[in-house]
Structures are given as structure tokens and as C-alpha cells.
N, C-alpha and C. Protein backbone atom coordinates (compact mmCIF):
# COMPACT_ATOMS: atom_id res chain seq x y z
N MET A 1 -15.89 9.00 -1.85
CA MET A 1 -14.65 8.57 -1.61
C MET A 1 -13.98 9.64 -2.53
N GLY A 2 -13.01 10.00 -1.69
CA GLY A 2 -12.28 11.15 -2.50
C GLY A 2 -11.19 10.46 -3.52
N ARG A 3 -10.50 11.91 -4.85
CA ARG A 3 -9.89 10.85 -5.43
C ARG A 3 -8.84 10.21 -5.43
N ARG A 4 -7.71 10.58 -4.42
CA ARG A 4 -6.71 9.86 -3.94
C ARG A 4 -6.85 8.70 -3.56
N THR A 5 -8.18 8.67 -2.70
CA THR A 5 -8.82 7.15 -2.12
C THR A 5 -8.72 6.32 -3.39
N LYS A 6 -9.47 6.83 -4.09
CA LYS A 6 -9.83 5.80 -5.31
C LYS A 6 -8.60 5.39 -5.81
N ALA A 7 -7.66 6.39 -6.24
CA ALA A 7 -6.92 6.02 -6.61
C ALA A 7 -5.78 4.70 -6.41
N ARG A 8 -5.79 5.26 -4.83
CA ARG A 8 -5.16 3.80 -3.81
C ARG A 8 -5.63 2.37 -4.00
N GLU A 9 -6.71 2.69 -3.80
CA GLU A 9 -7.66 1.54 -4.51
C GLU A 9 -7.43 0.74 -5.82
N CYS A 10 -7.76 1.35 -6.58
CA CYS A 10 -7.26 1.03 -8.38
C CYS A 10 -5.84 0.45 -7.94
N ALA A 11 -4.90 1.24 -7.63
CA ALA A 11 -3.35 1.01 -7.43
C ALA A 11 -3.43 -0.33 -6.91
N LEU A 12 -3.97 -0.48 -5.80
CA LEU A 12 -3.75 -1.98 -4.92
C LEU A 12 -4.52 -3.11 -5.88
N GLN A 13 -5.59 -2.86 -6.32
CA GLN A 13 -6.29 -3.92 -7.32
C GLN A 13 -4.96 -4.28 -8.46
N MET A 14 -4.36 -3.34 -9.03
CA MET A 14 -3.27 -3.44 -9.91
C MET A 14 -2.37 -4.33 -9.42
N LEU A 15 -1.76 -4.04 -8.37
CA LEU A 15 -0.82 -4.76 -8.14
C LEU A 15 -0.91 -5.58 -7.23
N TYR A 16 -2.10 -6.26 -7.07
CA TYR A 16 -2.70 -7.58 -6.51
C TYR A 16 -2.50 -8.45 -8.38
N GLN A 17 -3.25 -7.93 -9.08
CA GLN A 17 -3.15 -8.41 -10.02
C GLN A 17 -2.08 -9.01 -11.07
N TRP A 18 -1.15 -7.99 -10.59
CA TRP A 18 0.67 -7.93 -11.03
C TRP A 18 1.22 -9.42 -10.00
N ASP A 19 0.85 -9.14 -8.95
CA ASP A 19 1.45 -10.45 -8.05
C ASP A 19 1.19 -11.84 -8.27
N LEU A 20 -0.13 -11.52 -8.53
CA LEU A 20 -0.52 -13.46 -8.92
C LEU A 20 -0.74 -13.52 -10.49
N THR A 21 -0.16 -12.74 -11.31
CA THR A 21 0.19 -13.34 -12.60
C THR A 21 1.02 -12.79 -13.20
N ARG A 22 1.94 -11.82 -12.68
CA ARG A 22 3.53 -11.54 -12.88
C ARG A 22 3.41 -10.87 -14.58
N ALA A 23 2.25 -10.60 -14.74
CA ALA A 23 2.24 -9.92 -16.40
C ALA A 23 2.78 -8.55 -15.86
N PRO A 24 3.26 -8.18 -17.41
CA PRO A 24 3.76 -6.88 -17.07
C PRO A 24 3.06 -5.92 -17.05
N MET A 25 3.39 -4.79 -16.02
CA MET A 25 2.34 -3.98 -15.93
C MET A 25 1.62 -3.11 -16.76
N ASP A 26 2.23 -2.82 -17.93
CA ASP A 26 1.21 -2.31 -18.81
C ASP A 26 0.39 -3.58 -19.68
N GLU A 27 0.19 -4.39 -19.42
CA GLU A 27 -0.88 -5.44 -19.46
C GLU A 27 -1.70 -5.39 -18.30
N VAL A 28 -1.12 -5.03 -17.47
CA VAL A 28 -1.77 -5.23 -15.98
C VAL A 28 -2.63 -4.09 -16.02
N ALA A 29 -2.31 -3.15 -16.17
CA ALA A 29 -3.11 -1.48 -16.32
C ALA A 29 -3.69 -1.54 -17.68
N ALA A 30 -3.43 -2.22 -18.93
CA ALA A 30 -4.52 -1.79 -20.23
C ALA A 30 -5.98 -3.20 -19.24
N SER A 31 -5.73 -3.97 -18.76
CA SER A 31 -6.81 -5.13 -18.45
C SER A 31 -6.98 -4.28 -17.39
N PHE A 32 -6.88 -3.96 -16.25
CA PHE A 32 -7.78 -3.18 -15.41
C PHE A 32 -8.53 -2.03 -15.88
N TRP A 33 -8.07 -1.45 -16.92
CA TRP A 33 -8.57 0.02 -17.20
C TRP A 33 -9.66 -0.61 -18.30
N ARG A 34 -9.94 -1.75 -18.80
CA ARG A 34 -10.87 -2.39 -19.65
C ARG A 34 -11.67 -2.39 -19.21
N VAL A 35 -12.17 -2.48 -17.79
CA VAL A 35 -13.24 -3.01 -17.27
C VAL A 35 -13.79 -1.61 -16.08
N ARG A 36 -12.92 -0.71 -16.08
CA ARG A 36 -12.99 0.19 -15.02
C ARG A 36 -12.88 1.60 -15.52
N THR A 37 -13.90 2.38 -15.39
CA THR A 37 -13.87 4.26 -15.63
C THR A 37 -13.29 4.99 -14.14
N SER A 38 -12.58 5.86 -14.72
CA SER A 38 -12.10 7.19 -14.01
C SER A 38 -11.36 7.75 -14.47
N THR A 39 -11.63 9.05 -13.58
CA THR A 39 -11.36 10.72 -14.41
C THR A 39 -9.39 10.27 -14.96
N ASP A 40 -9.05 11.08 -15.88
CA ASP A 40 -7.49 11.22 -15.93
C ASP A 40 -6.87 10.92 -14.93
N ALA A 41 -7.21 12.23 -14.06
CA ALA A 41 -6.17 12.19 -12.46
C ALA A 41 -6.03 11.28 -11.73
N THR A 42 -7.00 10.50 -11.55
CA THR A 42 -7.15 9.20 -10.74
C THR A 42 -6.57 8.12 -11.25
N LYS A 43 -6.63 7.94 -12.80
CA LYS A 43 -5.65 7.05 -13.43
C LYS A 43 -4.38 7.41 -13.08
N ALA A 44 -3.72 8.70 -13.57
CA ALA A 44 -2.50 8.99 -13.34
C ALA A 44 -2.05 8.34 -12.31
N MET A 45 -2.74 9.11 -11.07
CA MET A 45 -2.18 8.35 -9.40
C MET A 45 -1.74 7.04 -9.11
N ALA A 46 -3.32 6.43 -9.80
CA ALA A 46 -2.89 4.79 -9.74
C ALA A 46 -2.09 4.35 -10.23
N GLU A 47 -1.72 4.67 -11.57
CA GLU A 47 -0.81 4.14 -12.64
C GLU A 47 0.33 4.07 -11.59
N ARG A 48 0.78 5.72 -10.97
CA ARG A 48 2.22 5.87 -10.70
C ARG A 48 2.23 5.22 -9.62
N LEU A 49 0.79 5.21 -9.05
CA LEU A 49 1.53 3.74 -7.22
C LEU A 49 1.83 2.65 -7.84
N ALA A 50 1.23 2.32 -8.71
CA ALA A 50 1.16 0.60 -9.03
C ALA A 50 2.55 0.56 -9.75
N ARG A 51 2.47 0.95 -10.62
CA ARG A 51 4.17 1.06 -11.29
C ARG A 51 5.14 1.17 -10.26
N GLY A 52 4.99 2.34 -9.71
CA GLY A 52 6.12 2.79 -8.33
C GLY A 52 6.78 1.60 -7.56
N ALA A 53 5.36 1.09 -7.04
CA ALA A 53 5.46 -0.06 -6.00
C ALA A 53 5.88 -1.51 -6.77
N GLN A 54 5.80 -1.86 -7.83
CA GLN A 54 6.11 -2.58 -8.77
C GLN A 54 7.45 -2.76 -8.89
N ALA A 55 8.12 -1.45 -9.55
CA ALA A 55 9.32 -1.50 -9.85
C ALA A 55 9.83 -2.03 -8.52
N ASN A 56 10.04 -0.90 -7.31
CA ASN A 56 10.76 -1.24 -6.29
C ASN A 56 10.17 -2.30 -5.59
N ALA A 57 9.31 -2.96 -5.71
CA ALA A 57 8.87 -4.40 -4.84
C ALA A 57 10.15 -5.03 -3.89
N ALA A 58 11.16 -5.55 -4.92
CA ALA A 58 12.17 -5.89 -4.12
C ALA A 58 12.46 -5.08 -3.06
N ARG A 59 12.85 -3.76 -3.07
CA ARG A 59 13.24 -2.72 -1.72
C ARG A 59 11.95 -3.06 -1.15
N LEU A 60 10.72 -2.66 -1.06
CA LEU A 60 9.91 -2.49 -0.44
C LEU A 60 9.45 -3.28 0.37
N ASP A 61 9.76 -4.95 -0.49
CA ASP A 61 9.33 -6.72 0.32
C ASP A 61 10.26 -6.62 1.72
N GLY A 62 11.69 -5.64 1.17
CA GLY A 62 12.53 -6.05 2.51
C GLY A 62 12.23 -5.23 3.36
N LEU A 63 11.69 -4.46 3.56
CA LEU A 63 11.12 -3.13 4.19
C LEU A 63 10.31 -4.04 4.84
N ILE A 64 9.20 -4.62 4.50
CA ILE A 64 8.19 -4.71 4.98
C ILE A 64 8.69 -6.22 6.06
N GLY A 65 9.70 -7.17 5.43
CA GLY A 65 9.90 -8.56 6.01
C GLY A 65 10.47 -8.15 7.33
N GLU A 66 10.84 -6.92 7.04
CA GLU A 66 12.08 -6.36 8.05
C GLU A 66 11.10 -5.89 9.34
N ALA A 67 10.09 -5.09 8.82
CA ALA A 67 8.82 -4.81 9.55
C ALA A 67 7.95 -5.50 10.34
N ALA A 68 8.08 -6.52 9.36
CA ALA A 68 6.79 -7.36 10.06
C ALA A 68 7.24 -8.73 10.82
N THR A 69 7.52 -8.21 12.13
CA THR A 69 8.44 -8.90 13.21
C THR A 69 7.26 -10.44 13.32
N ASN A 70 7.73 -11.64 13.20
CA ASN A 70 7.52 -12.73 13.33
C ASN A 70 6.53 -12.78 12.41
N TRP A 71 6.45 -12.55 10.99
CA TRP A 71 5.88 -13.04 10.31
C TRP A 71 7.21 -13.03 8.82
N ARG A 72 6.74 -14.24 8.41
CA ARG A 72 7.24 -14.65 7.22
C ARG A 72 6.71 -13.79 5.99
N PHE A 73 7.50 -13.03 5.02
CA PHE A 73 7.05 -12.34 4.04
C PHE A 73 6.01 -12.82 3.25
N ASP A 74 6.28 -14.15 2.85
CA ASP A 74 5.28 -15.21 2.11
C ASP A 74 4.24 -15.63 2.46
N ARG A 75 4.40 -15.31 3.79
CA ARG A 75 2.83 -15.95 5.01
C ARG A 75 2.08 -15.09 4.78
N ILE A 76 2.42 -13.79 4.25
CA ILE A 76 1.22 -12.39 4.61
C ILE A 76 0.17 -12.75 3.21
N ALA A 77 -1.01 -12.47 3.64
CA ALA A 77 -2.00 -12.49 2.74
C ALA A 77 -1.95 -11.58 1.67
N ALA A 78 -2.45 -11.86 0.40
CA ALA A 78 -2.12 -11.08 -0.84
C ALA A 78 -2.46 -9.85 -1.16
N VAL A 79 -3.62 -9.73 -0.46
CA VAL A 79 -4.01 -8.32 -0.54
C VAL A 79 -3.53 -7.42 0.91
N ASP A 80 -3.05 -8.16 1.74
CA ASP A 80 -2.47 -7.12 2.71
C ASP A 80 -0.94 -7.01 2.51
N ARG A 81 -0.26 -7.88 1.65
CA ARG A 81 1.20 -7.75 1.16
C ARG A 81 0.96 -6.27 0.15
N ASN A 82 0.22 -6.47 -0.63
CA ASN A 82 0.07 -5.49 -1.67
C ASN A 82 -0.53 -4.49 -1.45
N LEU A 83 -1.14 -3.91 -0.19
CA LEU A 83 -1.35 -2.64 0.18
C LEU A 83 -0.30 -2.18 0.87
N LEU A 84 0.55 -3.20 1.84
CA LEU A 84 1.71 -2.84 2.74
C LEU A 84 2.86 -2.45 1.24
N ARG A 85 3.02 -3.29 0.29
CA ARG A 85 3.91 -2.53 -0.72
C ARG A 85 3.37 -0.74 -1.29
N LEU A 86 2.42 -0.77 -1.35
CA LEU A 86 1.52 0.41 -2.11
C LEU A 86 1.39 0.98 -0.80
N GLY A 87 1.95 1.28 0.62
CA GLY A 87 1.88 2.08 1.72
C GLY A 87 3.88 2.38 1.70
N ALA A 88 4.32 1.27 1.78
CA ALA A 88 5.51 1.38 1.96
C ALA A 88 6.13 2.41 0.67
N TYR A 89 5.54 2.24 -0.45
CA TYR A 89 5.72 2.93 -1.64
C TYR A 89 5.82 4.11 -1.19
N GLU A 90 4.89 4.80 -0.96
CA GLU A 90 4.50 5.71 -0.96
C GLU A 90 5.33 6.75 0.50
N LEU A 91 5.32 5.89 1.58
CA LEU A 91 6.35 6.59 2.90
C LEU A 91 7.87 6.64 2.43
N ASP A 92 8.18 5.68 1.61
CA ASP A 92 9.47 5.58 1.45
C ASP A 92 9.82 6.47 0.02
N MET A 93 9.25 6.50 -0.92
CA MET A 93 9.05 7.40 -2.23
C MET A 93 8.62 8.48 -2.55
N GLU A 94 7.38 8.72 -1.82
CA GLU A 94 6.31 9.76 -2.23
C GLU A 94 6.12 10.52 -1.21
N ARG A 95 7.44 11.13 -0.73
CA ARG A 95 7.97 12.00 0.40
C ARG A 95 6.93 13.47 0.53
N ASP A 96 5.98 13.76 -0.45
CA ASP A 96 5.31 14.73 -0.06
C ASP A 96 3.96 14.83 0.35
N THR A 97 3.37 13.48 0.59
CA THR A 97 2.50 12.90 1.01
C THR A 97 2.65 12.48 2.60
N PRO A 98 2.02 13.30 4.09
CA PRO A 98 2.17 13.04 5.07
C PRO A 98 2.22 11.61 5.64
N SER A 99 3.28 10.93 6.12
CA SER A 99 3.03 9.60 6.68
C SER A 99 1.98 9.63 7.10
N SER A 100 1.18 9.84 8.28
CA SER A 100 -0.12 9.70 8.68
C SER A 100 -1.34 9.81 7.48
N VAL A 101 -1.16 10.36 6.61
CA VAL A 101 -2.56 10.25 5.62
C VAL A 101 -2.25 8.83 5.26
N VAL A 102 -0.87 8.63 4.80
CA VAL A 102 -0.17 7.13 4.12
C VAL A 102 -1.23 6.28 5.05
N ILE A 103 -0.62 5.95 6.13
CA ILE A 103 -1.05 4.94 7.16
C ILE A 103 -2.46 4.69 7.06
N ASP A 104 -3.33 5.88 7.59
CA ASP A 104 -4.53 6.22 7.67
C ASP A 104 -5.67 5.69 6.15
N GLU A 105 -5.10 5.70 5.33
CA GLU A 105 -5.65 5.42 4.07
C GLU A 105 -5.29 4.25 3.93
N ALA A 106 -4.49 3.52 4.25
CA ALA A 106 -3.82 2.11 3.97
C ALA A 106 -4.68 1.14 5.06
N VAL A 107 -5.22 1.64 5.97
CA VAL A 107 -6.06 1.40 7.19
C VAL A 107 -7.44 1.15 6.55
N GLU A 108 -7.75 2.17 6.18
CA GLU A 108 -8.93 2.35 5.65
C GLU A 108 -9.15 1.42 4.55
N ILE A 109 -8.38 1.19 3.45
CA ILE A 109 -8.74 0.23 2.10
C ILE A 109 -8.66 -0.89 2.95
N ALA A 110 -7.67 -1.57 4.45
CA ALA A 110 -7.53 -2.61 4.65
C ALA A 110 -9.05 -2.72 5.11
N LYS A 111 -9.59 -1.99 5.78
CA LYS A 111 -10.91 -2.48 6.06
C LYS A 111 -11.92 -2.81 4.96
N ARG A 112 -11.85 -2.48 3.88
CA ARG A 112 -12.89 -2.31 2.67
C ARG A 112 -12.11 -4.06 1.79
N PHE A 113 -11.28 -4.20 2.10
CA PHE A 113 -10.19 -5.09 0.82
C PHE A 113 -9.98 -6.21 1.30
N GLY A 114 -9.42 -6.49 2.99
CA GLY A 114 -8.76 -7.12 3.51
C GLY A 114 -9.70 -8.31 4.56
N GLU A 115 -8.91 -8.86 5.69
CA GLU A 115 -9.38 -9.89 6.46
C GLU A 115 -10.33 -9.07 7.84
N ALA A 116 -10.42 -9.40 8.81
CA ALA A 116 -10.77 -8.89 9.87
C ALA A 116 -9.36 -8.23 10.82
N ASP A 117 -8.51 -8.83 10.61
CA ASP A 117 -7.31 -8.11 11.52
C ASP A 117 -6.57 -7.45 10.59
N SER A 118 -6.65 -7.40 9.28
CA SER A 118 -5.73 -6.73 8.49
C SER A 118 -5.42 -5.19 8.76
N PRO A 119 -6.41 -4.61 8.93
CA PRO A 119 -6.16 -3.27 9.73
C PRO A 119 -5.27 -2.86 10.45
N SER A 120 -5.18 -3.79 11.70
CA SER A 120 -4.54 -3.91 12.73
C SER A 120 -3.02 -4.28 12.39
N PHE A 121 -2.98 -5.32 11.69
CA PHE A 121 -1.49 -5.59 10.68
C PHE A 121 -1.36 -4.44 10.36
N VAL A 122 -2.25 -4.08 9.36
CA VAL A 122 -1.44 -3.05 8.17
C VAL A 122 -0.84 -1.86 8.55
N ASN A 123 -1.89 -1.21 9.82
CA ASN A 123 -1.21 -0.29 10.63
C ASN A 123 0.35 -0.46 11.33
N GLY A 124 0.54 -1.61 11.90
CA GLY A 124 1.65 -1.91 12.83
C GLY A 124 2.65 -1.92 11.59
N VAL A 125 2.82 -2.59 10.84
CA VAL A 125 3.77 -2.64 9.72
C VAL A 125 4.32 -1.45 8.95
N LEU A 126 3.24 -0.84 8.56
CA LEU A 126 3.40 0.73 8.11
C LEU A 126 4.02 1.39 8.66
N ASP A 127 3.78 1.65 10.22
CA ASP A 127 4.07 2.30 11.37
C ASP A 127 5.50 2.11 11.42
N ALA A 128 5.89 0.83 11.63
CA ALA A 128 7.59 0.06 11.72
C ALA A 128 8.22 0.49 10.36
N VAL A 129 7.36 0.65 9.13
CA VAL A 129 8.14 0.82 8.07
C VAL A 129 8.35 2.82 8.03
N ARG A 130 7.96 3.43 8.57
CA ARG A 130 7.43 4.35 8.78
C ARG A 130 8.81 5.15 9.39
N ARG A 131 8.96 4.44 10.65
CA ARG A 131 10.25 4.70 11.44
C ARG A 131 11.00 4.95 10.60
N MET A 132 11.13 3.78 10.04
CA MET A 132 12.57 3.10 9.32
C MET A 132 12.94 4.16 8.04
N VAL A 133 12.15 4.36 7.37
CA VAL A 133 12.39 5.01 5.86
C VAL A 133 12.41 6.62 6.11
N ARG A 134 11.17 7.28 7.23
CA ARG A 134 11.29 8.61 7.62
C ARG A 134 11.58 9.30 8.90
N GLY A 135 12.37 8.14 9.77
CA GLY A 135 12.95 8.53 11.32
C GLY A 135 11.87 8.65 12.17
N GLU A 136 11.05 9.17 11.89
CA GLU A 136 9.58 9.70 12.45
C GLU A 136 9.34 8.68 13.85
N GLU A 137 8.91 9.54 15.10
CA GLU A 137 8.74 8.97 16.43
C GLU A 137 6.94 8.42 15.96
N PRO A 138 6.90 7.24 16.83
CA PRO A 138 6.04 6.50 16.89
C PRO A 138 4.68 7.38 16.96
N ARG A 139 3.89 7.03 16.74
CA ARG A 139 2.57 7.77 16.31
C ARG A 139 1.92 7.45 17.90
N SER A 140 1.00 8.52 17.87
CA SER A 140 0.45 8.54 19.37
C SER A 140 -0.55 7.38 19.29
N ARG A 141 -1.11 6.81 20.36
CA ARG A 141 -2.24 5.63 19.81
C ARG A 141 -3.53 6.42 20.45
N GLY A 142 -3.32 7.41 20.47
CA GLY A 142 -4.80 8.27 20.81
C GLY A 142 -4.85 8.39 22.44
N ARG A 143 -6.07 9.10 22.44
CA ARG A 143 -6.62 9.65 24.06
C ARG A 143 -6.55 8.64 25.25
N GLY A 144 -5.68 8.64 25.99
CA GLY A 144 -6.00 7.50 27.36
C GLY A 144 -5.40 6.30 26.52
N GLN A 145 -4.03 5.75 25.72
CA GLN A 145 -3.79 5.24 25.18
C GLN A 145 -2.51 5.34 24.77
N GLU A 146 -1.96 6.11 25.62
CA GLU A 146 -0.65 6.43 25.20
C GLU A 146 0.44 6.21 26.74
């Protein structure tokens, strides 16, 4: 697993803990790193993403709520909700990362941490967020599916 993928997984776990406890992110991060080891570069990226998504949660939640048609935000599973926050943060605020990378990574993480329908749900919502914040055309669905 690559450093960036590992950092995103760590960021998701910190966001999840914050979402459930609403403890200050400094406490969440300190608690998380007491039981988890990682390189300095991975830690730095994970904390940057988790802190950024947490600090911008109100804006991100609004984007996600708008993108998740037919879903009330508070009804989205906690893992999916925080993975969507993380992905929406990267799409909106971390413009140097290509949108396809952000979405593909989120889908792969959803396969590991979410429910059976999480990958397709995360893909659809983040694709809608991507169009809203980056103004890009819809992603190709692959060969024979266009």
C-alpha cells in the first residue's frame, strides 16, 4: 500500500473518531498515533487531510448533502460520511491532486472500510462533488458503458 493511500486511511480513521466523539482534533490525533505507527511523511499528510476536513466540515457537509440526492446527510453511514468528507476536502481544497485519483482512492478505501454498497455510493457522490467544485465533465464509465 502506498504512502498516500495509508495517509488517507489514517485520516479517515481520525475523522471517524472525531465525528463520533467531537473531541478536539489535537486529542484525536494524539490518541490515534499512540496506537499506530507510521512514517513522518504519512503522519503529516494524514493530519493535514483530517484537520482540513474537520475544520471545513460544515462546508463539506453542505456539498455532500447537495450531491447525495435522495439521501439525508444524517442518514449516511458514519464511515461513508467521513470518507465523503475526506474526498470532498481533497477535491475542493487540495487542487494539486487529480480528481480521478481522489475518487479512485476513496472507492478503494470504501471497499476496505465500508459496506457492500459503499464503493458505488462514494463514487457517485464524489463524482457529483467533483463537478460542483471543479466544474469538470462527468467521468467516463469505462469501455462499452458510455
